[in-house]
Amino acid sequence: MTHGADDLLLLLAVVRHGSYAAAAGALGLSHTTVSRRVAGLERTVGARLLVRSGDVWEPTELGREFVAAGEEVELALGALPLGPGGRGHAVGGVVRMITPDGFGGVVMGAAVRRLIDAHPGVRVEMINAARRAQTNPVGIDLEVVVGRPEVSRKEAFHLADYSLGLYASRTYLISHAPITDPEDVQEHPLVYFVPSMQDVAELTAPLERFPRMRQAVGATSSVVHVELTRAGAGVGLLPCFLAERCGDLVRLLPHELTFPVSYWVVSRTDLLRRPAVQAVLGAVRAAVEEMREELLAAP
């Protein structure tokens, strides 16, 4: 039985996605087919190419050579000329990301607009959650996280700085005690993350400024925080780039109560070499550069 470029690409998919099942889903194959073809490739080679590491499959030392060959095949296929006269290069595939929901909606909206124009063959799938970088997230190509991540065997890049601020709706401010001093804030209910479910230090640190403030409602989504604040559920600690888009929200004491935070992106070196991942990351970087002042929302 012979094995060619298809098997190298299949092995590459298993390593990227971490499991046979995830690779099968991405390639439109059955789990059995993926398992059988990897086993066949290993029989031909006469050695193991993949080993189990926790919940994921990782390449052996020899397997890394085959994975590198698969990446070369992928790059070569991506460079094939398309269209009349052979103009243009095809970059395609699915890029799976984890991003905070506010970033996923606003920043990724601008990034995907660019991506569609430049690389219509690339599709983005997102899981939206503000959390720390995961050790081995199966099937994830890029993680956008809040705060500088501590990661091993991965690469991390700073994307952008942004600001958190305190906001209340105009109707809430009319019907409640005035807020003219930072200490006045503590007499109002807070709208923010669920404390027991939030482990990102940069997102919990601002709460130290308000030790007496009780939480009216907790939610796992910044977009939900914005809507709860607009509804008058309390004072929201919100990403300014989300809140400033709502004309019925008022920023409270911005010179005294603005909290700087940052977005970082995390990925593995082998994933960053994928043309589709490079295309998405390039579009994200262009979007955050264009939106830098909006994200910072300086008082």
C-alpha atoms as a PDB file:
ATOM      1  CA  MET A   1       0.000   0.000   0.000  1.00  0.00           C
ATOM      2  CA  THR A   2       1.404   3.418  -0.906  1.00  0.00           C
ATOM      3  CA  HIS A   3       1.002   6.626   1.050  1.00  0.00           C
ATOM      4  CA  GLY A   4       1.262  10.090  -0.388  1.00  0.00           C
ATOM      5  CA  ALA A   5       0.531  13.738   0.219  1.00  0.00           C
ATOM      6  CA  ASP A   6      -3.036  13.054   1.400  1.00  0.00           C
ATOM      7  CA  ASP A   7      -1.785  10.957   4.303  1.00  0.00           C
ATOM      8  CA  LEU A   8       0.712  13.639   5.292  1.00  0.00           C
ATOM      9  CA  LEU A   9      -2.087  16.214   5.336  1.00  0.00           C
ATOM     10  CA  LEU A  10      -4.256  13.836   7.357  1.00  0.00           C
ATOM     11  CA  LEU A  11      -1.472  13.308   9.921  1.00  0.00           C
ATOM     12  CA  LEU A  12      -1.025  17.084  10.078  1.00  0.00           C
ATOM     13  CA  ALA A  13      -4.753  17.510  10.789  1.00  0.00           C
ATOM     14  CA  VAL A  14      -4.651  15.008  13.667  1.00  0.00           C
ATOM     15  CA  VAL A  15      -1.725  16.861  15.273  1.00  0.00           C
ATOM     16  CA  ARG A  16      -3.405  20.244  14.845  1.00  0.00           C
ATOM     17  CA  HIS A  17      -6.772  19.158  16.169  1.00  0.00           C
ATOM     18  CA  GLY A  18      -5.412  16.836  18.833  1.00  0.00           C
ATOM     19  CA  SER A  19      -7.742  13.915  18.157  1.00  0.00           C
ATOM     20  CA  TYR A  20      -8.857  11.592  15.380  1.00  0.00           C
ATOM     21  CA  ALA A  21     -12.467  12.665  15.876  1.00  0.00           C
ATOM     22  CA  ALA A  22     -11.734  16.395  15.551  1.00  0.00           C
ATOM     23  CA  ALA A  23      -9.512  15.832  12.516  1.00  0.00           C
ATOM     24  CA  ALA A  24     -12.188  13.642  10.946  1.00  0.00           C
ATOM     25  CA  GLY A  25     -14.795  16.370  11.431  1.00  0.00           C
ATOM     26  CA  ALA A  26     -12.531  18.997   9.871  1.00  0.00           C
ATOM     27  CA  LEU A  27     -11.718  16.796   6.878  1.00  0.00           C
ATOM     28  CA  GLY A  28     -15.200  15.423   6.333  1.00  0.00           C
ATOM     29  CA  LEU A  29     -14.075  11.844   7.004  1.00  0.00           C
ATOM     30  CA  SER A  30     -15.092   9.209   9.521  1.00  0.00           C
ATOM     31  CA  HIS A  31     -13.131   8.593  12.718  1.00  0.00           C
ATOM     32  CA  THR A  32     -12.479   5.033  11.497  1.00  0.00           C
ATOM     33  CA  THR A  33     -11.015   6.231   8.205  1.00  0.00           C
ATOM     34  CA  VAL A  34      -8.622   8.629   9.930  1.00  0.00           C
ATOM     35  CA  SER A  35      -7.511   6.009  12.444  1.00  0.00           C
ATOM     36  CA  ARG A  36      -7.038   3.377   9.743  1.00  0.00           C
ATOM     37  CA  ARG A  37      -4.984   5.650   7.497  1.00  0.00           C
ATOM     38  CA  VAL A  38      -2.709   6.823  10.306  1.00  0.00           C
ATOM     39  CA  ALA A  39      -2.176   3.217  11.369  1.00  0.00           C
ATOM     40  CA  GLY A  40      -1.404   2.284   7.758  1.00  0.00           C
ATOM     41  CA  LEU A  41       1.124   5.098   7.472  1.00  0.00           C
ATOM     42  CA  GLU A  42       2.818   3.949  10.686  1.00  0.00           C
ATOM     43  CA  ARG A  43       2.976   0.346   9.396  1.00  0.00           C
ATOM     44  CA  THR A  44       4.616   1.517   6.188  1.00  0.00           C
ATOM     45  CA  VAL A  45       7.143   3.618   8.117  1.00  0.00           C
ATOM     46  CA  GLY A  46       7.696   0.865  10.694  1.00  0.00           C
ATOM     47  CA  ALA A  47       7.518   3.237  13.662  1.00  0.00           C
ATOM     48  CA  ARG A  48       5.056   5.243  15.748  1.00  0.00           C
ATOM     49  CA  LEU A  49       4.350   8.729  14.456  1.00  0.00           C
ATOM     50  CA  LEU A  50       1.864   9.752  17.158  1.00  0.00           C
ATOM     51  CA  VAL A  51       1.798   9.233  20.921  1.00  0.00           C
ATOM     52  CA  ARG A  52      -0.894   9.986  23.449  1.00  0.00           C
ATOM     53  CA  SER A  53      -0.226  12.988  25.725  1.00  0.00           C
ATOM     54  CA  GLY A  54      -3.122  13.488  28.112  1.00  0.00           C
ATOM     55  CA  ASP A  55      -6.224  14.012  25.998  1.00  0.00           C
ATOM     56  CA  VAL A  56      -4.410  14.751  22.744  1.00  0.00           C
ATOM     57  CA  TRP A  57      -2.204  13.040  20.173  1.00  0.00           C
ATOM     58  CA  GLU A  58       1.257  14.537  19.727  1.00  0.00           C
ATOM     59  CA  PRO A  59       3.942  13.643  17.170  1.00  0.00           C
ATOM     60  CA  THR A  60       6.947  11.551  18.082  1.00  0.00           C
ATOM     61  CA  GLU A  61      10.390  12.795  17.081  1.00  0.00           C
ATOM     62  CA  LEU A  62      10.021  10.975  13.773  1.00  0.00           C
ATOM     63  CA  GLY A  63       6.394  12.100  13.541  1.00  0.00           C
ATOM     64  CA  ARG A  64       7.501  15.740  13.645  1.00  0.00           C
ATOM     65  CA  GLU A  65       9.468  15.165  10.438  1.00  0.00           C
ATOM     66  CA  PHE A  66       6.332  13.846   8.751  1.00  0.00           C
ATOM     67  CA  VAL A  67       4.277  16.750  10.121  1.00  0.00           C
ATOM     68  CA  ALA A  68       6.852  19.193   8.721  1.00  0.00           C
ATOM     69  CA  ALA A  69       6.558  17.445   5.356  1.00  0.00           C
ATOM     70  CA  GLY A  70       2.769  17.806   5.564  1.00  0.00           C
ATOM     71  CA  GLU A  71       3.172  21.537   6.177  1.00  0.00           C
ATOM     72  CA  GLU A  72       5.365  21.805   3.080  1.00  0.00           C
ATOM     73  CA  VAL A  73       2.682  20.036   1.055  1.00  0.00           C
ATOM     74  CA  GLU A  74       0.042  22.417   2.429  1.00  0.00           C
ATOM     75  CA  LEU A  75       2.154  25.470   1.591  1.00  0.00           C
ATOM     76  CA  ALA A  76       2.808  24.158  -1.914  1.00  0.00           C
ATOM     77  CA  LEU A  77      -0.903  23.562  -2.530  1.00  0.00           C
ATOM     78  CA  GLY A  78      -1.716  27.019  -1.216  1.00  0.00           C
ATOM     79  CA  ALA A  79       0.705  28.585  -3.674  1.00  0.00           C
ATOM     80  CA  LEU A  80      -0.857  27.032  -6.763  1.00  0.00           C
ATOM     81  CA  PRO A  81      -2.079  29.723  -9.209  1.00  0.00           C
ATOM     82  CA  LEU A  82      -5.805  30.040  -9.727  1.00  0.00           C
ATOM     83  CA  GLY A  83      -8.076  31.880 -12.093  1.00  0.00           C
ATOM     84  CA  PRO A  84      -7.556  33.320 -15.573  1.00  0.00           C
ATOM     85  CA  GLY A  85      -3.908  33.630 -16.442  1.00  0.00           C
ATOM     86  CA  GLY A  86      -2.910  31.868 -13.240  1.00  0.00           C
ATOM     87  CA  ARG A  87      -3.205  34.991 -11.124  1.00  0.00           C
ATOM     88  CA  GLY A  88      -3.868  34.848  -7.403  1.00  0.00           C
ATOM     89  CA  HIS A  89      -3.017  32.295  -4.732  1.00  0.00           C
ATOM     90  CA  ALA A  90      -5.584  30.200  -2.886  1.00  0.00           C
ATOM     91  CA  VAL A  91      -5.585  30.333   0.898  1.00  0.00           C
ATOM     92  CA  GLY A  92      -8.418  28.362   2.369  1.00  0.00           C
ATOM     93  CA  GLY A  93      -9.575  26.297   5.302  1.00  0.00           C
ATOM     94  CA  VAL A  94     -11.226  26.635   8.684  1.00  0.00           C
ATOM     95  CA  VAL A  95      -9.505  28.543  11.497  1.00  0.00           C
ATOM     96  CA  ARG A  96     -10.926  27.870  14.957  1.00  0.00           C
ATOM     97  CA  MET A  97     -10.506  30.475  17.672  1.00  0.00           C
ATOM     98  CA  ILE A  98     -11.310  31.164  21.303  1.00  0.00           C
ATOM     99  CA  THR A  99     -11.945  34.883  21.928  1.00  0.00           C
ATOM    100  CA  PRO A 100     -13.689  37.005  24.561  1.00  0.00           C
ATOM    101  CA  ASP A 101     -17.168  37.808  23.294  1.00  0.00           C
ATOM    102  CA  GLY A 102     -16.670  41.561  23.007  1.00  0.00           C
ATOM    103  CA  PHE A 103     -13.491  41.062  20.984  1.00  0.00           C
ATOM    104  CA  GLY A 104     -15.175  38.344  18.975  1.00  0.00           C
ATOM    105  CA  GLY A 105     -18.015  40.627  17.955  1.00  0.00           C
ATOM    106  CA  VAL A 106     -16.403  44.019  17.425  1.00  0.00           C
ATOM    107  CA  VAL A 107     -12.761  43.347  16.536  1.00  0.00           C
ATOM    108  CA  MET A 108     -13.353  40.083  14.707  1.00  0.00           C
ATOM    109  CA  GLY A 109     -16.181  41.742  12.791  1.00  0.00           C
ATOM    110  CA  ALA A 110     -13.680  44.218  11.355  1.00  0.00           C
ATOM    111  CA  ALA A 111     -11.067  41.483  10.834  1.00  0.00           C
ATOM    112  CA  VAL A 112     -13.441  39.133   9.016  1.00  0.00           C
ATOM    113  CA  ARG A 113     -14.543  41.950   6.715  1.00  0.00           C
ATOM    114  CA  ARG A 114     -10.915  42.285   5.627  1.00  0.00           C
ATOM    115  CA  LEU A 115     -10.495  38.525   5.447  1.00  0.00           C
ATOM    116  CA  ILE A 116     -13.466  38.015   3.144  1.00  0.00           C
ATOM    117  CA  ASP A 117     -12.054  40.534   0.688  1.00  0.00           C
ATOM    118  CA  ALA A 118      -8.515  39.106   0.696  1.00  0.00           C
ATOM    119  CA  HIS A 119      -9.076  35.390   1.323  1.00  0.00           C
ATOM    120  CA  PRO A 120     -12.670  34.312   0.655  1.00  0.00           C
ATOM    121  CA  GLY A 121     -11.678  30.656   1.059  1.00  0.00           C
ATOM    122  CA  VAL A 122     -10.885  31.080   4.766  1.00  0.00           C
ATOM    123  CA  ARG A 123     -13.664  30.445   7.287  1.00  0.00           C
ATOM    124  CA  VAL A 124     -13.504  31.401  10.976  1.00  0.00           C
ATOM    125  CA  GLU A 125     -15.221  29.500  13.791  1.00  0.00           C
ATOM    126  CA  MET A 126     -15.230  31.024  17.290  1.00  0.00           C
ATOM    127  CA  ILE A 127     -15.837  29.963  20.864  1.00  0.00           C
ATOM    128  CA  ASN A 128     -16.450  33.130  22.866  1.00  0.00           C
ATOM    129  CA  ALA A 129     -15.210  33.219  26.456  1.00  0.00           C
ATOM    130  CA  ALA A 130     -12.858  35.391  28.511  1.00  0.00           C
ATOM    131  CA  ARG A 131     -10.481  32.892  30.090  1.00  0.00           C
ATOM    132  CA  ARG A 132      -6.827  32.029  30.505  1.00  0.00           C
ATOM    133  CA  ALA A 133      -4.886  30.268  27.762  1.00  0.00           C
ATOM    134  CA  GLN A 134      -5.537  26.533  27.767  1.00  0.00           C
ATOM    135  CA  THR A 135      -2.737  23.952  27.924  1.00  0.00           C
ATOM    136  CA  ASN A 136      -3.903  21.782  25.033  1.00  0.00           C
ATOM    137  CA  PRO A 137      -7.159  23.067  23.558  1.00  0.00           C
ATOM    138  CA  VAL A 138      -8.220  20.415  21.065  1.00  0.00           C
ATOM    139  CA  GLY A 139      -8.995  21.744  17.607  1.00  0.00           C
ATOM    140  CA  ILE A 140      -8.173  25.399  18.423  1.00  0.00           C
ATOM    141  CA  ASP A 141      -5.768  27.341  16.207  1.00  0.00           C
ATOM    142  CA  LEU A 142      -5.728  30.747  17.928  1.00  0.00           C
ATOM    143  CA  GLU A 143      -6.624  31.827  21.462  1.00  0.00           C
ATOM    144  CA  VAL A 144      -7.242  35.498  22.217  1.00  0.00           C
ATOM    145  CA  VAL A 145      -6.881  36.010  25.965  1.00  0.00           C
ATOM    146  CA  VAL A 146      -7.006  38.888  28.411  1.00  0.00           C
ATOM    147  CA  GLY A 147      -3.693  39.704  30.080  1.00  0.00           C
ATOM    148  CA  ARG A 148      -0.188  38.425  29.440  1.00  0.00           C
ATOM    149  CA  PRO A 149      -0.414  34.609  29.328  1.00  0.00           C
ATOM    150  CA  GLU A 150       1.980  32.193  30.980  1.00  0.00           C
ATOM    151  CA  VAL A 151       2.380  29.426  28.422  1.00  0.00           C
ATOM    152  CA  SER A 152       4.957  26.786  27.578  1.00  0.00           C
ATOM    153  CA  ARG A 153       5.501  25.187  24.164  1.00  0.00           C
ATOM    154  CA  LYS A 154       3.428  28.003  22.650  1.00  0.00           C
ATOM    155  CA  GLU A 155       3.972  31.477  21.281  1.00  0.00           C
ATOM    156  CA  ALA A 156       2.212  34.556  22.665  1.00  0.00           C
ATOM    157  CA  PHE A 157       1.898  37.979  21.032  1.00  0.00           C
ATOM    158  CA  HIS A 158       0.496  41.234  22.373  1.00  0.00           C
ATOM    159  CA  LEU A 159      -2.434  42.377  20.226  1.00  0.00           C
ATOM    160  CA  ALA A 160      -3.866  45.536  21.763  1.00  0.00           C
ATOM    161  CA  ASP A 161      -4.547  47.468  24.951  1.00  0.00           C
ATOM    162  CA  TYR A 162      -8.083  48.352  25.929  1.00  0.00           C
ATOM    163  CA  SER A 163      -9.891  49.954  28.857  1.00  0.00           C
ATOM    164  CA  LEU A 164     -12.555  48.957  31.344  1.00  0.00           C
ATOM    165  CA  GLY A 165     -14.753  51.713  32.734  1.00  0.00           C
ATOM    166  CA  LEU A 166     -17.795  52.119  34.958  1.00  0.00           C
ATOM    167  CA  TYR A 167     -21.094  52.903  33.253  1.00  0.00           C
ATOM    168  CA  ALA A 168     -24.720  53.417  34.180  1.00  0.00           C
ATOM    169  CA  SER A 169     -27.799  54.092  32.086  1.00  0.00           C
ATOM    170  CA  ARG A 170     -29.222  57.604  31.963  1.00  0.00           C
ATOM    171  CA  THR A 171     -32.503  56.391  33.460  1.00  0.00           C
ATOM    172  CA  TYR A 172     -30.658  54.639  36.301  1.00  0.00           C
ATOM    173  CA  LEU A 173     -28.755  57.813  37.169  1.00  0.00           C
ATOM    174  CA  ILE A 174     -31.969  59.852  37.260  1.00  0.00           C
ATOM    175  CA  SER A 175     -33.625  57.538  39.776  1.00  0.00           C
ATOM    176  CA  HIS A 176     -30.671  56.757  42.059  1.00  0.00           C
ATOM    177  CA  ALA A 177     -28.266  58.560  44.347  1.00  0.00           C
ATOM    178  CA  PRO A 178     -25.798  60.743  42.426  1.00  0.00           C
ATOM    179  CA  ILE A 179     -22.254  59.541  41.738  1.00  0.00           C
ATOM    180  CA  THR A 180     -19.859  62.456  42.044  1.00  0.00           C
ATOM    181  CA  ASP A 181     -16.955  60.759  43.802  1.00  0.00           C
ATOM    182  CA  PRO A 182     -15.268  57.345  43.366  1.00  0.00           C
ATOM    183  CA  GLU A 183     -16.472  56.317  46.811  1.00  0.00           C
ATOM    184  CA  ASP A 184     -20.090  56.950  45.792  1.00  0.00           C
ATOM    185  CA  VAL A 185     -19.852  54.017  43.382  1.00  0.00           C
ATOM    186  CA  GLN A 186     -19.713  51.536  46.237  1.00  0.00           C
ATOM    187  CA  GLU A 187     -23.266  52.438  47.255  1.00  0.00           C
ATOM    188  CA  HIS A 188     -24.579  51.031  43.967  1.00  0.00           C
ATOM    189  CA  PRO A 189     -24.982  47.410  42.782  1.00  0.00           C
ATOM    190  CA  LEU A 190     -22.387  46.037  40.380  1.00  0.00           C
ATOM    191  CA  VAL A 191     -22.954  44.269  37.065  1.00  0.00           C
ATOM    192  CA  TYR A 192     -19.930  42.118  36.182  1.00  0.00           C
ATOM    193  CA  PHE A 193     -18.557  38.577  35.800  1.00  0.00           C
ATOM    194  CA  VAL A 194     -19.559  35.690  38.074  1.00  0.00           C
ATOM    195  CA  PRO A 195     -16.732  35.755  40.681  1.00  0.00           C
ATOM    196  CA  SER A 196     -16.443  31.980  41.057  1.00  0.00           C
ATOM    197  CA  MET A 197     -16.188  31.493  37.294  1.00  0.00           C
ATOM    198  CA  GLN A 198     -13.645  34.204  36.486  1.00  0.00           C
ATOM    199  CA  ASP A 199      -9.949  33.342  36.952  1.00  0.00           C
ATOM    200  CA  VAL A 200      -8.326  36.064  34.834  1.00  0.00           C
ATOM    201  CA  ALA A 201      -6.362  38.289  37.216  1.00  0.00           C
ATOM    202  CA  GLU A 202      -6.566  41.370  34.975  1.00  0.00           C
ATOM    203  CA  LEU A 203     -10.372  41.168  35.056  1.00  0.00           C
ATOM    204  CA  THR A 204     -10.698  40.622  38.800  1.00  0.00           C
ATOM    205  CA  ALA A 205      -8.086  43.205  39.895  1.00  0.00           C
ATOM    206  CA  PRO A 206     -10.368  46.271  39.319  1.00  0.00           C
ATOM    207  CA  LEU A 207     -12.767  44.918  41.965  1.00  0.00           C
ATOM    208  CA  GLU A 208     -10.143  45.633  44.645  1.00  0.00           C
ATOM    209  CA  ARG A 209     -10.959  49.309  44.103  1.00  0.00           C
ATOM    210  CA  PHE A 210     -14.527  48.690  45.362  1.00  0.00           C
ATOM    211  CA  PRO A 211     -14.320  46.376  48.404  1.00  0.00           C
ATOM    212  CA  ARG A 212     -17.799  47.305  49.710  1.00  0.00           C
ATOM    213  CA  MET A 213     -19.623  47.131  46.389  1.00  0.00           C
ATOM    214  CA  ARG A 214     -22.202  44.335  46.261  1.00  0.00           C
ATOM    215  CA  GLN A 215     -22.855  42.477  43.033  1.00  0.00           C
ATOM    216  CA  ALA A 216     -26.378  42.799  41.696  1.00  0.00           C
ATOM    217  CA  VAL A 217     -25.985  40.247  38.921  1.00  0.00           C
ATOM    218  CA  GLY A 218     -23.123  38.212  37.497  1.00  0.00           C
ATOM    219  CA  ALA A 219     -22.838  36.908  33.949  1.00  0.00           C
ATOM    220  CA  THR A 220     -20.115  35.251  31.879  1.00  0.00           C
ATOM    221  CA  SER A 221     -20.486  37.617  28.923  1.00  0.00           C
ATOM    222  CA  SER A 222     -19.370  41.242  28.512  1.00  0.00           C
ATOM    223  CA  VAL A 223     -22.092  41.765  25.928  1.00  0.00           C
ATOM    224  CA  VAL A 224     -24.660  40.642  28.516  1.00  0.00           C
ATOM    225  CA  HIS A 225     -23.080  43.035  31.053  1.00  0.00           C
ATOM    226  CA  VAL A 226     -23.687  45.887  28.624  1.00  0.00           C
ATOM    227  CA  GLU A 227     -27.347  44.967  28.121  1.00  0.00           C
ATOM    228  CA  LEU A 228     -27.956  44.495  31.865  1.00  0.00           C
ATOM    229  CA  THR A 229     -26.438  47.917  32.523  1.00  0.00           C
ATOM    230  CA  ARG A 230     -28.579  49.491  29.819  1.00  0.00           C
ATOM    231  CA  ALA A 231     -31.620  47.895  31.471  1.00  0.00           C
ATOM    232  CA  GLY A 232     -30.792  49.581  34.782  1.00  0.00           C
ATOM    233  CA  ALA A 233     -29.650  46.515  36.737  1.00  0.00           C
ATOM    234  CA  GLY A 234     -26.809  48.504  38.295  1.00  0.00           C
ATOM    235  CA  VAL A 235     -23.428  50.009  37.528  1.00  0.00           C
ATOM    236  CA  GLY A 236     -21.533  47.977  34.935  1.00  0.00           C
ATOM    237  CA  LEU A 237     -17.782  47.479  34.745  1.00  0.00           C
ATOM    238  CA  LEU A 238     -17.591  47.315  30.964  1.00  0.00           C
ATOM    239  CA  PRO A 239     -15.108  47.309  28.085  1.00  0.00           C
ATOM    240  CA  CYS A 240     -15.250  50.932  26.970  1.00  0.00           C
ATOM    241  CA  PHE A 241     -15.196  50.024  23.276  1.00  0.00           C
ATOM    242  CA  LEU A 242     -18.498  48.183  23.800  1.00  0.00           C
ATOM    243  CA  ALA A 243     -20.158  50.676  26.134  1.00  0.00           C
ATOM    244  CA  GLU A 244     -19.270  53.749  24.078  1.00  0.00           C
ATOM    245  CA  ARG A 245     -21.371  52.353  21.223  1.00  0.00           C
ATOM    246  CA  CYS A 246     -24.484  52.733  23.373  1.00  0.00           C
ATOM    247  CA  GLY A 247     -25.842  56.258  23.503  1.00  0.00           C
ATOM    248  CA  ASP A 248     -27.929  55.534  26.621  1.00  0.00           C
ATOM    249  CA  LEU A 249     -24.905  54.711  28.794  1.00  0.00           C
ATOM    250  CA  VAL A 250     -22.910  57.294  30.745  1.00  0.00           C
ATOM    251  CA  ARG A 251     -19.258  56.777  31.651  1.00  0.00           C
ATOM    252  CA  LEU A 252     -18.700  57.472  35.346  1.00  0.00           C
ATOM    253  CA  LEU A 253     -15.663  59.447  36.529  1.00  0.00           C
ATOM    254  CA  PRO A 254     -13.452  58.352  33.633  1.00  0.00           C
ATOM    255  CA  HIS A 255     -10.331  60.156  34.863  1.00  0.00           C
ATOM    256  CA  GLU A 256     -10.457  58.348  38.201  1.00  0.00           C
ATOM    257  CA  LEU A 257     -12.051  55.036  37.276  1.00  0.00           C
ATOM    258  CA  THR A 258     -10.450  53.674  34.105  1.00  0.00           C
ATOM    259  CA  PHE A 259      -8.698  50.305  34.233  1.00  0.00           C
ATOM    260  CA  PRO A 260      -6.164  49.289  31.548  1.00  0.00           C
ATOM    261  CA  VAL A 261      -6.253  45.725  30.239  1.00  0.00           C
ATOM    262  CA  SER A 262      -4.695  43.992  27.220  1.00  0.00           C
ATOM    263  CA  TYR A 263      -5.479  41.359  24.610  1.00  0.00           C
ATOM    264  CA  TRP A 264      -2.910  38.705  23.678  1.00  0.00           C
ATOM    265  CA  VAL A 265      -3.013  35.910  21.113  1.00  0.00           C
ATOM    266  CA  VAL A 266      -1.604  32.434  21.804  1.00  0.00           C
ATOM    267  CA  SER A 267      -0.884  29.574  19.414  1.00  0.00           C
ATOM    268  CA  ARG A 268       1.542  26.769  18.658  1.00  0.00           C
ATOM    269  CA  THR A 269       4.426  27.359  16.251  1.00  0.00           C
ATOM    270  CA  ASP A 270       3.232  24.689  13.847  1.00  0.00           C
ATOM    271  CA  LEU A 271      -0.261  26.195  13.700  1.00  0.00           C
ATOM    272  CA  LEU A 272       1.121  29.659  13.039  1.00  0.00           C
ATOM    273  CA  ARG A 273       2.730  28.327   9.864  1.00  0.00           C
ATOM    274  CA  ARG A 274      -0.665  27.474   8.358  1.00  0.00           C
ATOM    275  CA  PRO A 275      -1.483  29.942   5.570  1.00  0.00           C
ATOM    276  CA  ALA A 276      -5.092  30.251   6.745  1.00  0.00           C
ATOM    277  CA  VAL A 277      -3.979  31.004  10.344  1.00  0.00           C
ATOM    278  CA  GLN A 278      -1.485  33.564   9.044  1.00  0.00           C
ATOM    279  CA  ALA A 279      -4.270  35.197   7.034  1.00  0.00           C
ATOM    280  CA  VAL A 280      -6.599  35.417  10.054  1.00  0.00           C
ATOM    281  CA  LEU A 281      -3.867  36.706  12.363  1.00  0.00           C
ATOM    282  CA  GLY A 282      -2.877  39.325   9.805  1.00  0.00           C
ATOM    283  CA  ALA A 283      -6.480  40.495   9.503  1.00  0.00           C
ATOM    284  CA  VAL A 284      -6.823  40.676  13.305  1.00  0.00           C
ATOM    285  CA  ARG A 285      -3.648  42.721  13.660  1.00  0.00           C
ATOM    286  CA  ALA A 286      -4.785  45.137  10.966  1.00  0.00           C
ATOM    287  CA  ALA A 287      -8.176  45.509  12.668  1.00  0.00           C
ATOM    288  CA  VAL A 288      -6.754  46.260  16.135  1.00  0.00           C
ATOM    289  CA  GLU A 289      -4.322  48.755  14.664  1.00  0.00           C
ATOM    290  CA  GLU A 290      -7.177  50.555  12.939  1.00  0.00           C
ATOM    291  CA  MET A 291      -9.271  50.486  16.145  1.00  0.00           C
ATOM    292  CA  ARG A 292      -6.464  51.336  18.583  1.00  0.00           C
ATOM    293  CA  GLU A 293      -7.937  54.630  19.826  1.00  0.00           C
ATOM    294  CA  GLU A 294     -11.428  53.150  20.088  1.00  0.00           C
ATOM    295  CA  LEU A 295     -10.119  50.243  22.162  1.00  0.00           C
ATOM    296  CA  LEU A 296      -8.108  52.474  24.483  1.00  0.00           C
ATOM    297  CA  ALA A 297     -11.026  54.896  24.933  1.00  0.00           C
ATOM    298  CA  ALA A 298      -8.851  57.443  26.713  1.00  0.00           C
ATOM    299  CA  PRO A 299     -10.872  59.757  28.999  1.00  0.00           C
END
